[in-house]
Amino acid sequence: MRVGLVSDIHGNRVALEAVLSDMPSVDALACAGDVVGYNPWPAECVDAMRKRDVPTVLGNHDAAVVDRTGFRFNGMAQAGVKHAIEHLEDDHLEWLESLPEERREFDGRVKLVHGHPENPDRYTYPEDFSPRLLGDEDVLVLGHTHVQHAERYADGIVVNPGSVGQPRDGDPRAGYAVLDLEAMTVETRRVSYDIEAVQRAVKDAGLPERIGTRLARGK
């Protein structure tokens, strides 16, 4: 079974469409949270996950939109949350509200969290990866840092597929991954998208300009 892994879409419809177009044939998708926030298209990104029935966990920006987090946001992030609240319909909010902080999928072999197995708001960078993060699952999928990385251990795989909508690892291309549960391998992938179109949309939406400018630097 092959699973396409996405995370931290952050309302970036243009990047999400590029990822879904670039993704090789998979049997299912899974998302490690933060479907909304920052960028101008929260509703479209929620719809993309809902219509495909993608197993998704609650990210901190998702939680902020439905008032389920104590996470501290800077002004840029707060603007994205406010924009999402203003542009999401009740059914979008209900879907976000229904998301769990953790879920097991694909016969329990894959565990999805947003930040860390013990704390959804904790950043887990590549240097923090270790087999100690794994429980009895074969694969742990997490996001939150927007830094793409994967490690295979004797007991399983830990993978951050990277951010679709706002990479922060120095590579501006949208990040995702493809997991093969039969071979127990994971391939991290990147795809270019029209960043200038997103920057124009950020400006037109009245969002902070830096939301768009930082996309070109992958920071």
C-alpha atoms as a PDB file:
ATOM      1  CA  MET A   1       0.000   0.000   0.000  1.00  0.00           C
ATOM      2  CA  ARG A   2       1.296   3.438  -0.987  1.00  0.00           C
ATOM      3  CA  VAL A   3       0.238   6.506   0.979  1.00  0.00           C
ATOM      4  CA  GLY A   4       0.777  10.130   0.000  1.00  0.00           C
ATOM      5  CA  LEU A   5       1.740  12.177   3.060  1.00  0.00           C
ATOM      6  CA  VAL A   6       1.073  15.905   3.352  1.00  0.00           C
ATOM      7  CA  SER A   7       1.262  18.440   6.163  1.00  0.00           C
ATOM      8  CA  ASP A   8       1.144  22.162   6.884  1.00  0.00           C
ATOM      9  CA  ILE A   9      -0.875  23.098   3.818  1.00  0.00           C
ATOM     10  CA  HIS A  10      -1.660  26.440   5.452  1.00  0.00           C
ATOM     11  CA  GLY A  11      -4.312  27.619   3.065  1.00  0.00           C
ATOM     12  CA  ASN A  12      -2.008  27.526   0.042  1.00  0.00           C
ATOM     13  CA  ARG A  13      -4.288  26.193  -2.675  1.00  0.00           C
ATOM     14  CA  VAL A  14      -1.761  26.752  -5.457  1.00  0.00           C
ATOM     15  CA  ALA A  15       0.894  24.675  -3.715  1.00  0.00           C
ATOM     16  CA  LEU A  16      -1.605  21.952  -2.787  1.00  0.00           C
ATOM     17  CA  GLU A  17      -2.795  21.627  -6.370  1.00  0.00           C
ATOM     18  CA  ALA A  18       0.818  21.312  -7.520  1.00  0.00           C
ATOM     19  CA  VAL A  19       1.465  18.563  -4.966  1.00  0.00           C
ATOM     20  CA  LEU A  20      -1.637  16.597  -5.867  1.00  0.00           C
ATOM     21  CA  SER A  21      -0.800  16.900  -9.575  1.00  0.00           C
ATOM     22  CA  ASP A  22       2.824  15.853  -9.060  1.00  0.00           C
ATOM     23  CA  MET A  23       2.111  12.965  -6.690  1.00  0.00           C
ATOM     24  CA  PRO A  24       2.595   9.503  -8.189  1.00  0.00           C
ATOM     25  CA  SER A  25      -0.156   6.922  -7.941  1.00  0.00           C
ATOM     26  CA  VAL A  26      -1.048   6.204  -4.298  1.00  0.00           C
ATOM     27  CA  ASP A  27      -3.770   4.205  -2.591  1.00  0.00           C
ATOM     28  CA  ALA A  28      -4.578   6.827   0.022  1.00  0.00           C
ATOM     29  CA  LEU A  29      -3.581  10.183   1.466  1.00  0.00           C
ATOM     30  CA  ALA A  30      -2.909  11.275   5.057  1.00  0.00           C
ATOM     31  CA  CYS A  31      -2.366  14.731   6.546  1.00  0.00           C
ATOM     32  CA  ALA A  32      -0.412  15.728   9.657  1.00  0.00           C
ATOM     33  CA  GLY A  33      -2.360  18.921  10.289  1.00  0.00           C
ATOM     34  CA  ASP A  34      -2.476  22.676   9.760  1.00  0.00           C
ATOM     35  CA  VAL A  35      -4.714  22.680   6.742  1.00  0.00           C
ATOM     36  CA  VAL A  36      -5.466  26.376   7.327  1.00  0.00           C
ATOM     37  CA  GLY A  37      -3.600  29.488   8.424  1.00  0.00           C
ATOM     38  CA  TYR A  38      -1.311  32.061   6.776  1.00  0.00           C
ATOM     39  CA  ASN A  39      -2.382  31.861   3.113  1.00  0.00           C
ATOM     40  CA  PRO A  40      -5.574  33.074   1.384  1.00  0.00           C
ATOM     41  CA  TRP A  41      -7.475  29.846   0.603  1.00  0.00           C
ATOM     42  CA  PRO A  42      -8.486  28.080   3.848  1.00  0.00           C
ATOM     43  CA  ALA A  43     -11.880  26.926   2.565  1.00  0.00           C
ATOM     44  CA  GLU A  44     -10.498  25.465  -0.655  1.00  0.00           C
ATOM     45  CA  CYS A  45      -7.846  23.518   1.240  1.00  0.00           C
ATOM     46  CA  VAL A  46     -10.341  22.179   3.768  1.00  0.00           C
ATOM     47  CA  ASP A  47     -12.586  21.130   0.883  1.00  0.00           C
ATOM     48  CA  ALA A  48      -9.687  19.321  -0.799  1.00  0.00           C
ATOM     49  CA  MET A  49      -9.102  17.215   2.315  1.00  0.00           C
ATOM     50  CA  ARG A  50     -12.789  16.652   3.079  1.00  0.00           C
ATOM     51  CA  LYS A  51     -13.786  15.620  -0.431  1.00  0.00           C
ATOM     52  CA  ARG A  52     -10.975  13.079  -0.562  1.00  0.00           C
ATOM     53  CA  ASP A  53     -11.809  11.868   2.961  1.00  0.00           C
ATOM     54  CA  VAL A  54      -8.162  12.341   3.950  1.00  0.00           C
ATOM     55  CA  PRO A  55      -7.329  11.186   7.505  1.00  0.00           C
ATOM     56  CA  THR A  56      -6.150  14.409   9.144  1.00  0.00           C
ATOM     57  CA  VAL A  57      -5.060  15.493  12.608  1.00  0.00           C
ATOM     58  CA  LEU A  58      -5.533  18.876  14.242  1.00  0.00           C
ATOM     59  CA  GLY A  59      -2.686  21.351  13.794  1.00  0.00           C
ATOM     60  CA  ASN A  60      -2.140  24.366  16.021  1.00  0.00           C
ATOM     61  CA  HIS A  61      -3.477  26.793  13.388  1.00  0.00           C
ATOM     62  CA  ASP A  62      -6.499  24.544  12.820  1.00  0.00           C
ATOM     63  CA  ALA A  63      -7.040  24.546  16.574  1.00  0.00           C
ATOM     64  CA  ALA A  64      -6.758  28.330  16.811  1.00  0.00           C
ATOM     65  CA  VAL A  65      -9.513  28.748  14.237  1.00  0.00           C
ATOM     66  CA  VAL A  66     -11.879  26.661  16.374  1.00  0.00           C
ATOM     67  CA  ASP A  67     -10.544  28.064  19.678  1.00  0.00           C
ATOM     68  CA  ARG A  68      -8.861  24.881  20.864  1.00  0.00           C
ATOM     69  CA  THR A  69      -5.294  25.994  21.512  1.00  0.00           C
ATOM     70  CA  GLY A  70      -3.189  28.027  23.893  1.00  0.00           C
ATOM     71  CA  PHE A  71      -0.385  28.252  21.332  1.00  0.00           C
ATOM     72  CA  ARG A  72       1.234  31.686  21.131  1.00  0.00           C
ATOM     73  CA  PHE A  73       1.044  33.217  17.663  1.00  0.00           C
ATOM     74  CA  ASN A  74       2.937  36.127  16.174  1.00  0.00           C
ATOM     75  CA  GLY A  75       1.075  38.871  14.315  1.00  0.00           C
ATOM     76  CA  MET A  76       1.508  37.232  10.919  1.00  0.00           C
ATOM     77  CA  ALA A  77       0.060  33.938  12.153  1.00  0.00           C
ATOM     78  CA  GLN A  78      -2.764  35.718  13.958  1.00  0.00           C
ATOM     79  CA  ALA A  79      -3.691  37.468  10.717  1.00  0.00           C
ATOM     80  CA  GLY A  80      -3.915  34.121   8.951  1.00  0.00           C
ATOM     81  CA  VAL A  81      -6.124  32.686  11.690  1.00  0.00           C
ATOM     82  CA  LYS A  82      -8.420  35.728  11.534  1.00  0.00           C
ATOM     83  CA  HIS A  83      -8.621  35.438   7.742  1.00  0.00           C
ATOM     84  CA  ALA A  84      -9.539  31.755   8.025  1.00  0.00           C
ATOM     85  CA  ILE A  85     -12.260  32.430  10.594  1.00  0.00           C
ATOM     86  CA  GLU A  86     -13.749  35.104   8.337  1.00  0.00           C
ATOM     87  CA  HIS A  87     -13.707  32.933   5.206  1.00  0.00           C
ATOM     88  CA  LEU A  88     -14.711  29.489   6.462  1.00  0.00           C
ATOM     89  CA  GLU A  89     -18.319  28.323   6.451  1.00  0.00           C
ATOM     90  CA  ASP A  90     -19.943  26.436   9.319  1.00  0.00           C
ATOM     91  CA  ASP A  91     -19.322  23.069   7.673  1.00  0.00           C
ATOM     92  CA  HIS A  92     -15.613  23.849   7.309  1.00  0.00           C
ATOM     93  CA  LEU A  93     -15.414  24.808  10.977  1.00  0.00           C
ATOM     94  CA  GLU A  94     -17.283  21.666  11.992  1.00  0.00           C
ATOM     95  CA  TRP A  95     -14.789  19.546  10.072  1.00  0.00           C
ATOM     96  CA  LEU A  96     -11.846  21.267  11.764  1.00  0.00           C
ATOM     97  CA  GLU A  97     -13.539  20.912  15.136  1.00  0.00           C
ATOM     98  CA  SER A  98     -13.897  17.156  14.541  1.00  0.00           C
ATOM     99  CA  LEU A  99     -10.170  16.581  13.980  1.00  0.00           C
ATOM    100  CA  PRO A 100      -8.334  14.612  16.690  1.00  0.00           C
ATOM    101  CA  GLU A 101      -4.843  15.445  17.912  1.00  0.00           C
ATOM    102  CA  GLU A 102      -3.718  11.897  17.124  1.00  0.00           C
ATOM    103  CA  ARG A 103      -4.983   9.095  14.963  1.00  0.00           C
ATOM    104  CA  ARG A 104      -4.020   5.603  13.828  1.00  0.00           C
ATOM    105  CA  GLU A 105      -4.632   4.602  10.227  1.00  0.00           C
ATOM    106  CA  PHE A 106      -4.023   1.757   7.775  1.00  0.00           C
ATOM    107  CA  ASP A 107      -4.652  -1.120  10.189  1.00  0.00           C
ATOM    108  CA  GLY A 108      -2.958   0.829  12.970  1.00  0.00           C
ATOM    109  CA  ARG A 109       0.402   0.826  11.236  1.00  0.00           C
ATOM    110  CA  VAL A 110       0.616   4.600  10.766  1.00  0.00           C
ATOM    111  CA  LYS A 111       0.330   7.109  13.589  1.00  0.00           C
ATOM    112  CA  LEU A 112      -0.414  10.732  12.717  1.00  0.00           C
ATOM    113  CA  VAL A 113       0.381  13.636  15.043  1.00  0.00           C
ATOM    114  CA  HIS A 114       1.118  17.277  14.372  1.00  0.00           C
ATOM    115  CA  GLY A 115       4.069  18.210  16.552  1.00  0.00           C
ATOM    116  CA  HIS A 116       5.215  15.387  18.868  1.00  0.00           C
ATOM    117  CA  PRO A 117       3.617  12.153  20.116  1.00  0.00           C
ATOM    118  CA  GLU A 118       3.483  13.574  23.653  1.00  0.00           C
ATOM    119  CA  ASN A 119       2.618  17.193  22.840  1.00  0.00           C
ATOM    120  CA  PRO A 120       0.957  18.376  19.614  1.00  0.00           C
ATOM    121  CA  ASP A 121       2.444  21.882  20.000  1.00  0.00           C
ATOM    122  CA  ARG A 122       6.047  20.720  20.486  1.00  0.00           C
ATOM    123  CA  TYR A 123       8.406  21.207  17.552  1.00  0.00           C
ATOM    124  CA  THR A 124      10.225  18.010  16.560  1.00  0.00           C
ATOM    125  CA  TYR A 125      13.131  18.888  14.273  1.00  0.00           C
ATOM    126  CA  PRO A 126      15.240  16.354  12.344  1.00  0.00           C
ATOM    127  CA  GLU A 127      17.876  16.374  15.089  1.00  0.00           C
ATOM    128  CA  ASP A 128      15.142  15.278  17.511  1.00  0.00           C
ATOM    129  CA  PHE A 129      14.220  12.218  15.448  1.00  0.00           C
ATOM    130  CA  SER A 130      14.974   8.904  17.147  1.00  0.00           C
ATOM    131  CA  PRO A 131      13.425   5.446  17.474  1.00  0.00           C
ATOM    132  CA  ARG A 132      12.233   6.532  20.924  1.00  0.00           C
ATOM    133  CA  LEU A 133       9.509   8.546  19.186  1.00  0.00           C
ATOM    134  CA  LEU A 134       7.949   5.328  17.912  1.00  0.00           C
ATOM    135  CA  GLY A 135       5.378   3.364  19.857  1.00  0.00           C
ATOM    136  CA  ASP A 136       3.914   0.159  18.500  1.00  0.00           C
ATOM    137  CA  GLU A 137       3.193   1.773  15.124  1.00  0.00           C
ATOM    138  CA  ASP A 138       5.362   1.072  12.094  1.00  0.00           C
ATOM    139  CA  VAL A 139       5.398   4.690  10.920  1.00  0.00           C
ATOM    140  CA  LEU A 140       5.117   7.981  12.802  1.00  0.00           C
ATOM    141  CA  VAL A 141       4.089  10.951  10.656  1.00  0.00           C
ATOM    142  CA  LEU A 142       4.430  14.467  12.053  1.00  0.00           C
ATOM    143  CA  GLY A 143       4.634  18.054  10.845  1.00  0.00           C
ATOM    144  CA  HIS A 144       4.659  21.476  12.562  1.00  0.00           C
ATOM    145  CA  THR A 145       8.316  22.405  11.868  1.00  0.00           C
ATOM    146  CA  HIS A 146       7.832  22.763   8.084  1.00  0.00           C
ATOM    147  CA  VAL A 147      11.175  20.945   7.729  1.00  0.00           C
ATOM    148  CA  GLN A 148      11.133  17.848   5.521  1.00  0.00           C
ATOM    149  CA  HIS A 149      12.982  14.822   6.874  1.00  0.00           C
ATOM    150  CA  ALA A 150      12.674  11.042   7.207  1.00  0.00           C
ATOM    151  CA  GLU A 151      14.580   8.408   9.146  1.00  0.00           C
ATOM    152  CA  ARG A 152      14.253   4.636   9.015  1.00  0.00           C
ATOM    153  CA  TYR A 153      15.098   2.655  12.146  1.00  0.00           C
ATOM    154  CA  ALA A 154      14.978  -1.026  13.010  1.00  0.00           C
ATOM    155  CA  ASP A 155      11.591  -0.459  14.649  1.00  0.00           C
ATOM    156  CA  GLY A 156      10.035   1.729  11.966  1.00  0.00           C
ATOM    157  CA  ILE A 157      10.011   5.082  10.195  1.00  0.00           C
ATOM    158  CA  VAL A 158       9.701   8.636  11.480  1.00  0.00           C
ATOM    159  CA  VAL A 159       8.824  11.146   8.766  1.00  0.00           C
ATOM    160  CA  ASN A 160       7.927  14.783   8.374  1.00  0.00           C
ATOM    161  CA  PRO A 161       6.693  15.112   4.781  1.00  0.00           C
ATOM    162  CA  GLY A 162       7.523  18.814   4.829  1.00  0.00           C
ATOM    163  CA  SER A 163       5.188  21.737   4.375  1.00  0.00           C
ATOM    164  CA  VAL A 164       2.976  21.971   1.334  1.00  0.00           C
ATOM    165  CA  GLY A 165       2.128  25.620   1.832  1.00  0.00           C
ATOM    166  CA  GLN A 166       5.020  27.262   3.663  1.00  0.00           C
ATOM    167  CA  PRO A 167       8.345  25.370   3.672  1.00  0.00           C
ATOM    168  CA  ARG A 168      10.956  26.543   6.169  1.00  0.00           C
ATOM    169  CA  ASP A 169      13.944  24.388   5.269  1.00  0.00           C
ATOM    170  CA  GLY A 170      15.448  26.707   2.681  1.00  0.00           C
ATOM    171  CA  ASP A 171      13.744  25.032  -0.278  1.00  0.00           C
ATOM    172  CA  PRO A 172      10.744  27.048  -1.507  1.00  0.00           C
ATOM    173  CA  ARG A 173       9.216  24.128  -3.387  1.00  0.00           C
ATOM    174  CA  ALA A 174       6.160  22.455  -1.853  1.00  0.00           C
ATOM    175  CA  GLY A 175       7.048  19.359   0.153  1.00  0.00           C
ATOM    176  CA  TYR A 176       5.330  16.008   0.521  1.00  0.00           C
ATOM    177  CA  ALA A 177       6.241  12.325   0.829  1.00  0.00           C
ATOM    178  CA  VAL A 178       5.185   8.921  -0.464  1.00  0.00           C
ATOM    179  CA  LEU A 179       5.150   6.019   1.972  1.00  0.00           C
ATOM    180  CA  ASP A 180       5.259   2.381   0.830  1.00  0.00           C
ATOM    181  CA  LEU A 181       3.924   0.228   3.652  1.00  0.00           C
ATOM    182  CA  GLU A 182       4.821  -3.047   1.952  1.00  0.00           C
ATOM    183  CA  ALA A 183       8.455  -2.147   1.279  1.00  0.00           C
ATOM    184  CA  MET A 184       8.631   0.021   4.430  1.00  0.00           C
ATOM    185  CA  THR A 185      10.231   2.874   2.525  1.00  0.00           C
ATOM    186  CA  VAL A 186       9.468   6.570   2.304  1.00  0.00           C
ATOM    187  CA  GLU A 187      10.380   8.997  -0.465  1.00  0.00           C
ATOM    188  CA  THR A 188      10.458  12.723   0.274  1.00  0.00           C
ATOM    189  CA  ARG A 189       9.527  14.836  -2.734  1.00  0.00           C
ATOM    190  CA  ARG A 190       9.397  18.515  -3.783  1.00  0.00           C
ATOM    191  CA  VAL A 191       7.499  20.302  -6.524  1.00  0.00           C
ATOM    192  CA  SER A 192       7.662  23.882  -7.797  1.00  0.00           C
ATOM    193  CA  TYR A 193       4.528  26.016  -7.922  1.00  0.00           C
ATOM    194  CA  ASP A 194       3.545  29.561  -8.862  1.00  0.00           C
ATOM    195  CA  ILE A 195       4.750  31.465  -5.803  1.00  0.00           C
ATOM    196  CA  GLU A 196       4.158  34.841  -7.470  1.00  0.00           C
ATOM    197  CA  ALA A 197       0.465  33.993  -7.855  1.00  0.00           C
ATOM    198  CA  VAL A 198       0.257  33.297  -4.135  1.00  0.00           C
ATOM    199  CA  GLN A 199       2.070  36.537  -3.335  1.00  0.00           C
ATOM    200  CA  ARG A 200      -0.449  38.488  -5.402  1.00  0.00           C
ATOM    201  CA  ALA A 201      -3.318  36.735  -3.663  1.00  0.00           C
ATOM    202  CA  VAL A 202      -1.823  37.459  -0.237  1.00  0.00           C
ATOM    203  CA  LYS A 203      -1.682  41.153  -1.140  1.00  0.00           C
ATOM    204  CA  ASP A 204      -5.205  41.167  -2.573  1.00  0.00           C
ATOM    205  CA  ALA A 205      -6.529  39.508   0.593  1.00  0.00           C
ATOM    206  CA  GLY A 206      -4.977  42.198   2.779  1.00  0.00           C
ATOM    207  CA  LEU A 207      -2.770  39.703   4.581  1.00  0.00           C
ATOM    208  CA  PRO A 208       0.715  40.659   5.835  1.00  0.00           C
ATOM    209  CA  GLU A 209       3.077  40.944   2.879  1.00  0.00           C
ATOM    210  CA  ARG A 210       5.717  38.772   4.556  1.00  0.00           C
ATOM    211  CA  ILE A 211       3.423  35.751   4.308  1.00  0.00           C
ATOM    212  CA  GLY A 212       4.027  35.904   0.570  1.00  0.00           C
ATOM    213  CA  THR A 213       7.619  37.142   0.420  1.00  0.00           C
ATOM    214  CA  ARG A 214       8.931  34.419   2.711  1.00  0.00           C
ATOM    215  CA  LEU A 215       7.596  31.735   0.343  1.00  0.00           C
ATOM    216  CA  ALA A 216      10.252  32.619  -2.224  1.00  0.00           C
ATOM    217  CA  ARG A 217      13.005  31.907   0.313  1.00  0.00           C
ATOM    218  CA  GLY A 218      11.561  28.786   1.876  1.00  0.00           C
ATOM    219  CA  LYS A 219      11.931  30.395   5.297  1.00  0.00           C
END
